[in-house]
Amino acid sequence: MNCFNQRLRRTAPICSGGSRNDLVPSKPARMNGWSWPPQVAQVIGWLMFIYMAIVSFGIYVPLLPPPWNHVAYALIGIAFVLHFVTHLVAEIIDPADVSVRAKQTYSNPVPLFDRTKQSHVIQDLHCYLCDVKVGPKVKHCGVCNKCVQDFDHHCIWLNNCVGGRNYWYFFVALCSATFGTLLLIIVILFIFIQHYLDPDNLRTAPQFNNLLTNETWLVFLPAAPLKTTSAGLLVVAFITVLLSQVSLLLLGHLLGLHLYLLYKGISTHDHIKMQRQKQARNKDLEVERSSEINHHNKAAKSQTHSINCEPTPNSSVCGSRLSEFAEIHVPVFV
């Protein structure tokens, strides 16, 4: 059987109790964000991008009156193109350490990082899973199963690690997505308001001259005009604004976090480690405080108990003295 021919491989640093040479499950390392299988969040992200692009350039931007339609085409177009390019590059780039990229063919299986059995796999700048020398800011990603250069975090939206080689592509993609989504919300809100206040201001395209009723609207102007109703236009606008607001909240939170991390000069991984250490310290302080309170309560109870249990002082002595006084001063009648 082939299992007897497998070579045992040490997958963790040598401990004081000896080496760990157990066979562990293995799989090939993932090259980039397009390695199979895709992440659910990655698919959702690309579907949202396609939907926003179709809605923006096919429905709402063409309804803007000139020259605002040209301004919206330029600004939203730049944001969408920039996001598409940087998002794609951030997924394609292999963020692995240079030693891993020089050695790894991504076809040979690599032992898996089991956090329940191994606290770490890198010691003295040597990764015992990738079996290579690595840099000081390298971390072994358990999802991609490889060492990543200047590791920041593993992004489920990219289905790839974000490291030194693709961090700025990720950051520009984040900024462009936030900017483009914000512009789209502004455009749709403007069209929604003008639809009730002055709909003729939105019907400036020459194709609207052939329509007999104002309840009919055109989308996908000017290339492929398609008729729709006013209700359909507003329903799509409501759904798009709702999705855009959710996306803007997520993007804004993530962008704010990375602006803070850039200001502090730390990575996401360092920030998470610091938060965990802070939580551990707070938990230890709470345990110490609770133990001190319990000790103080026990001491107070024992002191109260000792005070209540003391006998009344000189009670027997006073009784004897009173009896003696009665014998001396009370006359005896025979």
Protein backbone atom coordinates (compact mmCIF):
# COMPACT_ATOMS: atom_id res chain seq x y z
CA MET A 1 0.00 0.00 0.00
CA ASN A 2 1.14 3.57 -0.72
CA CYS A 3 0.62 4.73 2.85
CA PHE A 4 3.75 2.83 3.94
CA ASN A 5 5.80 4.80 1.42
CA GLN A 6 4.80 8.23 2.74
CA ARG A 7 7.66 10.11 4.33
CA LEU A 8 6.96 11.48 7.77
CA ARG A 9 7.38 15.24 7.87
CA ARG A 10 7.79 17.50 10.85
CA THR A 11 5.00 20.10 10.73
CA ALA A 12 5.79 22.14 13.83
CA PRO A 13 8.86 23.44 15.64
CA ILE A 14 10.65 21.03 17.93
CA CYS A 15 9.29 21.26 21.47
CA SER A 16 10.99 20.36 24.70
CA GLY A 17 9.19 17.04 24.69
CA GLY A 18 10.54 16.06 21.27
CA SER A 19 9.64 16.53 17.63
CA ARG A 20 6.23 16.16 16.05
CA ASN A 21 6.50 13.92 13.04
CA ASP A 22 2.88 12.85 12.73
CA LEU A 23 1.36 12.59 9.30
CA VAL A 24 -1.30 15.28 8.86
CA PRO A 25 -3.91 15.92 6.13
CA SER A 26 -2.54 17.90 3.22
CA LYS A 27 -3.72 19.77 0.14
CA PRO A 28 -2.06 21.94 -2.54
CA ALA A 29 -1.61 25.60 -1.66
CA ARG A 30 -3.90 28.10 -3.38
CA MET A 31 -2.16 30.32 -5.93
CA ASN A 32 -4.53 33.33 -5.97
CA GLY A 33 -8.17 34.37 -5.82
CA TRP A 34 -9.09 32.42 -8.93
CA SER A 35 -7.99 29.10 -7.47
CA TRP A 36 -10.84 26.66 -7.01
CA PRO A 37 -13.19 26.69 -5.17
CA PRO A 38 -14.54 30.25 -5.23
CA GLN A 39 -15.82 31.96 -2.10
CA VAL A 40 -19.52 32.81 -1.77
CA ALA A 41 -18.63 36.40 -0.90
CA GLN A 42 -16.40 36.61 -3.98
CA VAL A 43 -19.28 35.58 -6.27
CA ILE A 44 -21.66 38.01 -4.54
CA GLY A 45 -19.14 40.83 -4.95
CA TRP A 46 -18.78 40.30 -8.70
CA LEU A 47 -22.56 39.95 -9.18
CA MET A 48 -23.09 43.22 -7.28
CA PHE A 49 -20.48 44.95 -9.47
CA ILE A 50 -22.18 43.74 -12.67
CA TYR A 51 -25.62 44.77 -11.39
CA MET A 52 -24.45 48.24 -10.34
CA ALA A 53 -22.73 48.78 -13.70
CA ILE A 54 -25.85 47.79 -15.68
CA VAL A 55 -28.17 49.91 -13.56
CA SER A 56 -25.86 52.92 -13.59
CA PHE A 57 -24.97 53.15 -17.28
CA GLY A 58 -28.09 51.46 -18.63
CA ILE A 59 -30.93 53.09 -16.66
CA TYR A 60 -30.21 56.11 -14.47
CA VAL A 61 -27.18 58.03 -15.75
CA PRO A 62 -28.72 58.43 -19.27
CA LEU A 63 -31.80 60.08 -17.67
CA LEU A 64 -29.74 62.92 -16.20
CA PRO A 65 -30.07 66.25 -18.01
CA PRO A 66 -26.98 67.64 -19.76
CA PRO A 67 -24.30 68.47 -18.77
CA TRP A 68 -24.77 66.39 -15.59
CA ASN A 69 -25.10 63.16 -17.55
CA HIS A 70 -21.64 63.71 -19.05
CA VAL A 71 -20.20 64.46 -15.59
CA ALA A 72 -21.81 61.32 -14.16
CA TYR A 73 -20.57 59.21 -17.08
CA ALA A 74 -17.03 60.44 -16.47
CA LEU A 75 -16.89 60.16 -12.67
CA ILE A 76 -18.82 56.89 -12.25
CA GLY A 77 -17.07 55.45 -15.31
CA ILE A 78 -13.62 56.19 -13.85
CA ALA A 79 -14.64 54.72 -10.49
CA PHE A 80 -16.05 51.54 -12.03
CA VAL A 81 -13.12 50.98 -14.42
CA LEU A 82 -10.58 51.63 -11.68
CA HIS A 83 -12.37 49.27 -9.32
CA PHE A 84 -12.64 46.55 -11.97
CA VAL A 85 -8.91 46.69 -12.80
CA THR A 86 -7.61 46.89 -9.23
CA HIS A 87 -10.06 44.27 -7.94
CA LEU A 88 -9.04 41.88 -10.71
CA VAL A 89 -5.31 42.48 -10.16
CA ALA A 90 -5.65 42.03 -6.38
CA GLU A 91 -7.24 38.63 -7.03
CA ILE A 92 -4.75 37.51 -9.67
CA ILE A 93 -1.54 38.42 -7.80
CA ASP A 94 0.06 35.67 -5.76
CA PRO A 95 0.89 37.31 -2.39
CA ALA A 96 3.09 34.43 -1.20
CA ASP A 97 6.59 34.99 0.13
CA VAL A 98 9.34 35.04 -2.49
CA SER A 99 10.83 31.78 -1.16
CA VAL A 100 7.47 30.06 -1.44
CA ARG A 101 6.93 31.31 -4.99
CA ALA A 102 10.42 30.17 -5.96
CA LYS A 103 9.83 26.66 -4.61
CA GLN A 104 6.10 26.02 -4.78
CA THR A 105 4.60 24.59 -7.95
CA TYR A 106 1.07 24.61 -6.44
CA SER A 107 0.60 21.00 -7.50
CA ASN A 108 2.32 19.19 -4.63
CA PRO A 109 0.27 18.82 -1.45
CA VAL A 110 1.31 20.79 1.64
CA PRO A 111 0.41 19.72 5.21
CA LEU A 112 -2.55 21.64 6.62
CA PHE A 113 -2.19 24.10 9.49
CA ASP A 114 -4.19 22.62 12.38
CA ARG A 115 -4.59 25.31 15.04
CA THR A 116 -5.90 22.77 17.56
CA LYS A 117 -2.59 20.91 17.44
CA GLN A 118 -0.10 23.61 16.47
CA SER A 119 0.19 27.03 18.07
CA HIS A 120 2.50 28.21 15.29
CA VAL A 121 4.46 26.78 12.38
CA ILE A 122 7.09 29.51 11.92
CA GLN A 123 10.10 29.64 14.23
CA ASP A 124 13.45 31.32 13.65
CA LEU A 125 12.19 32.55 10.26
CA HIS A 126 11.55 28.99 9.07
CA CYS A 127 8.11 27.67 8.12
CA TYR A 128 7.78 23.98 8.92
CA LEU A 129 4.82 23.50 6.57
CA CYS A 130 6.17 25.27 3.49
CA ASP A 131 9.68 24.09 4.52
CA VAL A 132 11.33 27.39 3.49
CA LYS A 133 13.08 30.34 5.08
CA VAL A 134 10.76 33.33 5.29
CA GLY A 135 10.93 37.03 6.12
CA PRO A 136 10.19 38.65 9.50
CA LYS A 137 6.67 39.85 8.51
CA VAL A 138 5.48 36.58 7.03
CA LYS A 139 2.47 34.61 8.30
CA HIS A 140 1.24 31.21 7.20
CA CYS A 141 -2.37 31.55 6.03
CA GLY A 142 -4.47 28.54 6.98
CA VAL A 143 -6.98 29.16 4.15
CA CYS A 144 -4.47 29.53 1.31
CA ASN A 145 -2.11 27.07 3.07
CA LYS A 146 1.04 29.06 2.32
CA CYS A 147 3.26 31.78 3.76
CA VAL A 148 2.23 35.29 2.73
CA GLN A 149 4.68 38.17 2.47
CA ASP A 150 3.79 41.18 4.69
CA PHE A 151 0.54 39.47 5.64
CA ASP A 152 -2.40 41.80 6.31
CA HIS A 153 -5.50 39.58 6.22
CA HIS A 154 -7.31 36.95 4.17
CA CYS A 155 -10.10 38.68 2.21
CA ILE A 156 -13.20 36.60 1.50
CA TRP A 157 -14.33 39.13 -1.14
CA LEU A 158 -11.12 38.57 -3.11
CA ASN A 159 -10.84 34.89 -2.17
CA ASN A 160 -7.17 35.71 -1.71
CA CYS A 161 -4.75 36.89 0.93
CA VAL A 162 -3.92 40.59 1.09
CA GLY A 163 -0.19 41.07 1.58
CA GLY A 164 2.64 43.31 0.55
CA ARG A 165 2.35 42.46 -3.14
CA ASN A 166 -1.34 43.31 -3.58
CA TYR A 167 -2.29 45.53 -0.62
CA TRP A 168 -2.38 48.81 -2.54
CA TYR A 169 -4.46 47.25 -5.32
CA PHE A 170 -6.89 46.13 -2.63
CA PHE A 171 -6.91 49.60 -1.06
CA VAL A 172 -7.55 51.39 -4.38
CA ALA A 173 -10.32 48.90 -5.20
CA LEU A 174 -11.89 49.66 -1.82
CA CYS A 175 -11.69 53.44 -2.34
CA SER A 176 -13.07 53.31 -5.89
CA ALA A 177 -15.95 51.04 -4.86
CA THR A 178 -16.90 53.39 -2.02
CA PHE A 179 -16.72 56.46 -4.27
CA GLY A 180 -18.68 54.85 -7.13
CA THR A 181 -21.42 53.55 -4.81
CA LEU A 182 -21.82 56.97 -3.20
CA LEU A 183 -22.14 58.66 -6.61
CA LEU A 184 -24.74 56.11 -7.72
CA ILE A 185 -26.88 56.79 -4.63
CA ILE A 186 -26.73 60.54 -5.32
CA VAL A 187 -27.75 60.05 -8.97
CA ILE A 188 -30.70 57.80 -8.11
CA LEU A 189 -31.94 60.11 -5.36
CA PHE A 190 -31.79 63.05 -7.80
CA ILE A 191 -33.81 61.13 -10.38
CA PHE A 192 -36.31 60.00 -7.74
CA ILE A 193 -36.94 63.60 -6.64
CA GLN A 194 -37.08 64.98 -10.19
CA HIS A 195 -39.51 62.23 -11.19
CA TYR A 196 -42.13 63.88 -8.98
CA LEU A 197 -41.09 67.53 -9.16
CA ASP A 198 -40.12 67.98 -12.82
CA PRO A 199 -40.20 64.74 -14.89
CA ASP A 200 -39.62 66.66 -18.13
CA ASN A 201 -36.16 67.49 -16.85
CA LEU A 202 -35.35 63.77 -17.10
CA ARG A 203 -36.89 63.24 -20.55
CA THR A 204 -34.40 65.30 -22.57
CA ALA A 205 -33.18 62.44 -24.75
CA PRO A 206 -34.46 62.62 -28.39
CA GLN A 207 -36.05 59.16 -28.08
CA PHE A 208 -38.67 60.55 -25.66
CA ASN A 209 -40.13 62.75 -28.42
CA ASN A 210 -41.81 59.74 -30.02
CA LEU A 211 -43.66 58.73 -26.85
CA LEU A 212 -47.30 59.73 -26.54
CA THR A 213 -47.60 59.43 -22.76
CA ASN A 214 -45.47 60.61 -19.88
CA GLU A 215 -46.06 57.35 -17.97
CA THR A 216 -43.76 55.49 -20.35
CA TRP A 217 -40.03 55.67 -19.71
CA LEU A 218 -37.03 54.47 -21.67
CA VAL A 219 -34.01 52.61 -20.35
CA PHE A 220 -30.72 51.55 -21.94
CA LEU A 221 -30.45 54.82 -23.79
CA PRO A 222 -29.25 55.65 -26.38
CA ALA A 223 -28.02 52.34 -27.83
CA ALA A 224 -31.01 50.06 -27.17
CA PRO A 225 -34.08 51.96 -25.91
CA LEU A 226 -36.43 49.74 -23.95
CA LYS A 227 -39.83 50.87 -22.70
CA THR A 228 -40.79 50.55 -19.06
CA THR A 229 -43.35 52.03 -16.68
CA SER A 230 -42.91 54.68 -14.04
CA ALA A 231 -43.57 52.10 -11.31
CA GLY A 232 -40.91 49.76 -12.72
CA LEU A 233 -38.38 52.58 -12.82
CA LEU A 234 -39.05 53.49 -9.18
CA VAL A 235 -39.03 49.88 -7.94
CA VAL A 236 -35.61 49.26 -9.47
CA ALA A 237 -34.45 52.56 -7.99
CA PHE A 238 -35.64 51.53 -4.52
CA ILE A 239 -33.92 48.12 -4.73
CA THR A 240 -30.70 49.68 -6.03
CA VAL A 241 -30.59 52.34 -3.30
CA LEU A 242 -31.20 49.68 -0.65
CA LEU A 243 -28.37 47.48 -1.95
CA SER A 244 -26.12 50.50 -2.39
CA GLN A 245 -26.68 51.64 1.19
CA VAL A 246 -25.80 48.20 2.56
CA SER A 247 -22.70 48.11 0.34
CA LEU A 248 -21.75 51.63 1.38
CA LEU A 249 -21.98 50.75 5.07
CA LEU A 250 -19.71 47.73 4.60
CA LEU A 251 -17.27 49.55 2.34
CA GLY A 252 -17.20 52.66 4.54
CA HIS A 253 -16.49 50.62 7.67
CA LEU A 254 -13.70 48.70 5.95
CA LEU A 255 -12.22 51.85 4.43
CA GLY A 256 -12.30 53.65 7.76
CA LEU A 257 -10.54 50.72 9.42
CA HIS A 258 -7.73 50.66 6.86
CA LEU A 259 -7.29 54.43 7.00
CA TYR A 260 -6.88 54.06 10.76
CA LEU A 261 -4.41 51.19 10.29
CA LEU A 262 -2.39 53.22 7.79
CA TYR A 263 -2.31 56.11 10.24
CA LYS A 264 -1.08 53.78 13.00
CA GLY A 265 1.35 52.01 10.67
CA ILE A 266 0.09 48.52 11.55
CA SER A 267 -1.56 45.69 9.63
CA THR A 268 -4.97 44.14 10.14
CA HIS A 269 -3.31 41.06 11.61
CA ASP A 270 -1.39 43.19 14.13
CA HIS A 271 -4.58 45.08 15.02
CA ILE A 272 -6.45 41.83 15.69
CA LYS A 273 -3.58 40.52 17.81
CA MET A 274 -3.55 43.71 19.86
CA GLN A 275 -7.32 43.52 20.37
CA ARG A 276 -7.07 39.91 21.53
CA GLN A 277 -4.24 40.75 23.92
CA LYS A 278 -6.26 43.66 25.28
CA GLN A 279 -9.29 41.42 25.80
CA ALA A 280 -7.11 38.84 27.54
CA ARG A 281 -5.66 41.50 29.85
CA ASN A 282 -9.13 42.86 30.65
CA LYS A 283 -10.34 39.34 31.39
CA ASP A 284 -7.38 38.73 33.72
CA LEU A 285 -8.06 42.03 35.50
CA GLU A 286 -11.72 41.08 35.94
CA VAL A 287 -10.72 37.72 37.39
CA GLU A 288 -8.25 39.37 39.78
CA ARG A 289 -10.81 41.99 40.77
CA SER A 290 -13.50 39.38 41.42
CA SER A 291 -11.07 37.28 43.47
CA GLU A 292 -10.10 40.33 45.53
CA ILE A 293 -13.77 41.15 46.13
CA ASN A 294 -14.49 37.57 47.19
CA HIS A 295 -11.49 37.59 49.52
CA HIS A 296 -12.59 40.89 51.03
CA ASN A 297 -16.15 39.61 51.53
CA LYS A 298 -14.89 36.46 53.22
CA ALA A 299 -12.64 38.50 55.51
CA ALA A 300 -15.53 40.81 56.42
CA LYS A 301 -17.83 37.87 57.16
CA SER A 302 -15.23 36.16 59.36
CA GLN A 303 -14.62 39.40 61.28
CA THR A 304 -18.34 39.94 61.85
CA HIS A 305 -18.76 36.37 63.01
CA SER A 306 -15.91 36.69 65.56
CA ILE A 307 -17.39 39.91 66.98
CA ASN A 308 -20.87 38.42 67.43
CA CYS A 309 -19.51 35.33 69.13
CA GLU A 310 -17.55 37.16 71.94
CA PRO A 311 -19.05 36.72 75.50
CA THR A 312 -20.22 39.73 77.53
CA PRO A 313 -17.17 41.00 79.44
CA ASN A 314 -17.02 40.65 83.33
CA SER A 315 -20.59 39.34 83.56
CA SER A 316 -19.68 36.64 86.11
CA VAL A 317 -17.49 39.00 88.09
CA CYS A 318 -20.24 41.59 88.41
CA GLY A 319 -22.69 38.97 89.60
CA SER A 320 -20.37 37.79 92.35
CA ARG A 321 -19.67 41.34 93.52
CA LEU A 322 -23.39 42.11 93.74
CA SER A 323 -23.97 39.02 95.88
CA GLU A 324 -21.17 40.03 98.22
CA PHE A 325 -22.60 43.57 98.52
CA ALA A 326 -26.00 42.16 99.47
CA GLU A 327 -24.53 39.98 102.19
CA ILE A 328 -22.67 42.88 103.78
CA HIS A 329 -25.28 45.70 103.68
CA VAL A 330 -28.56 43.87 104.11
CA PRO A 331 -29.34 43.30 107.85
CA VAL A 332 -30.33 39.86 108.94
CA PHE A 333 -33.32 39.58 111.25
CA VAL A 334 -33.48 36.58 113.52
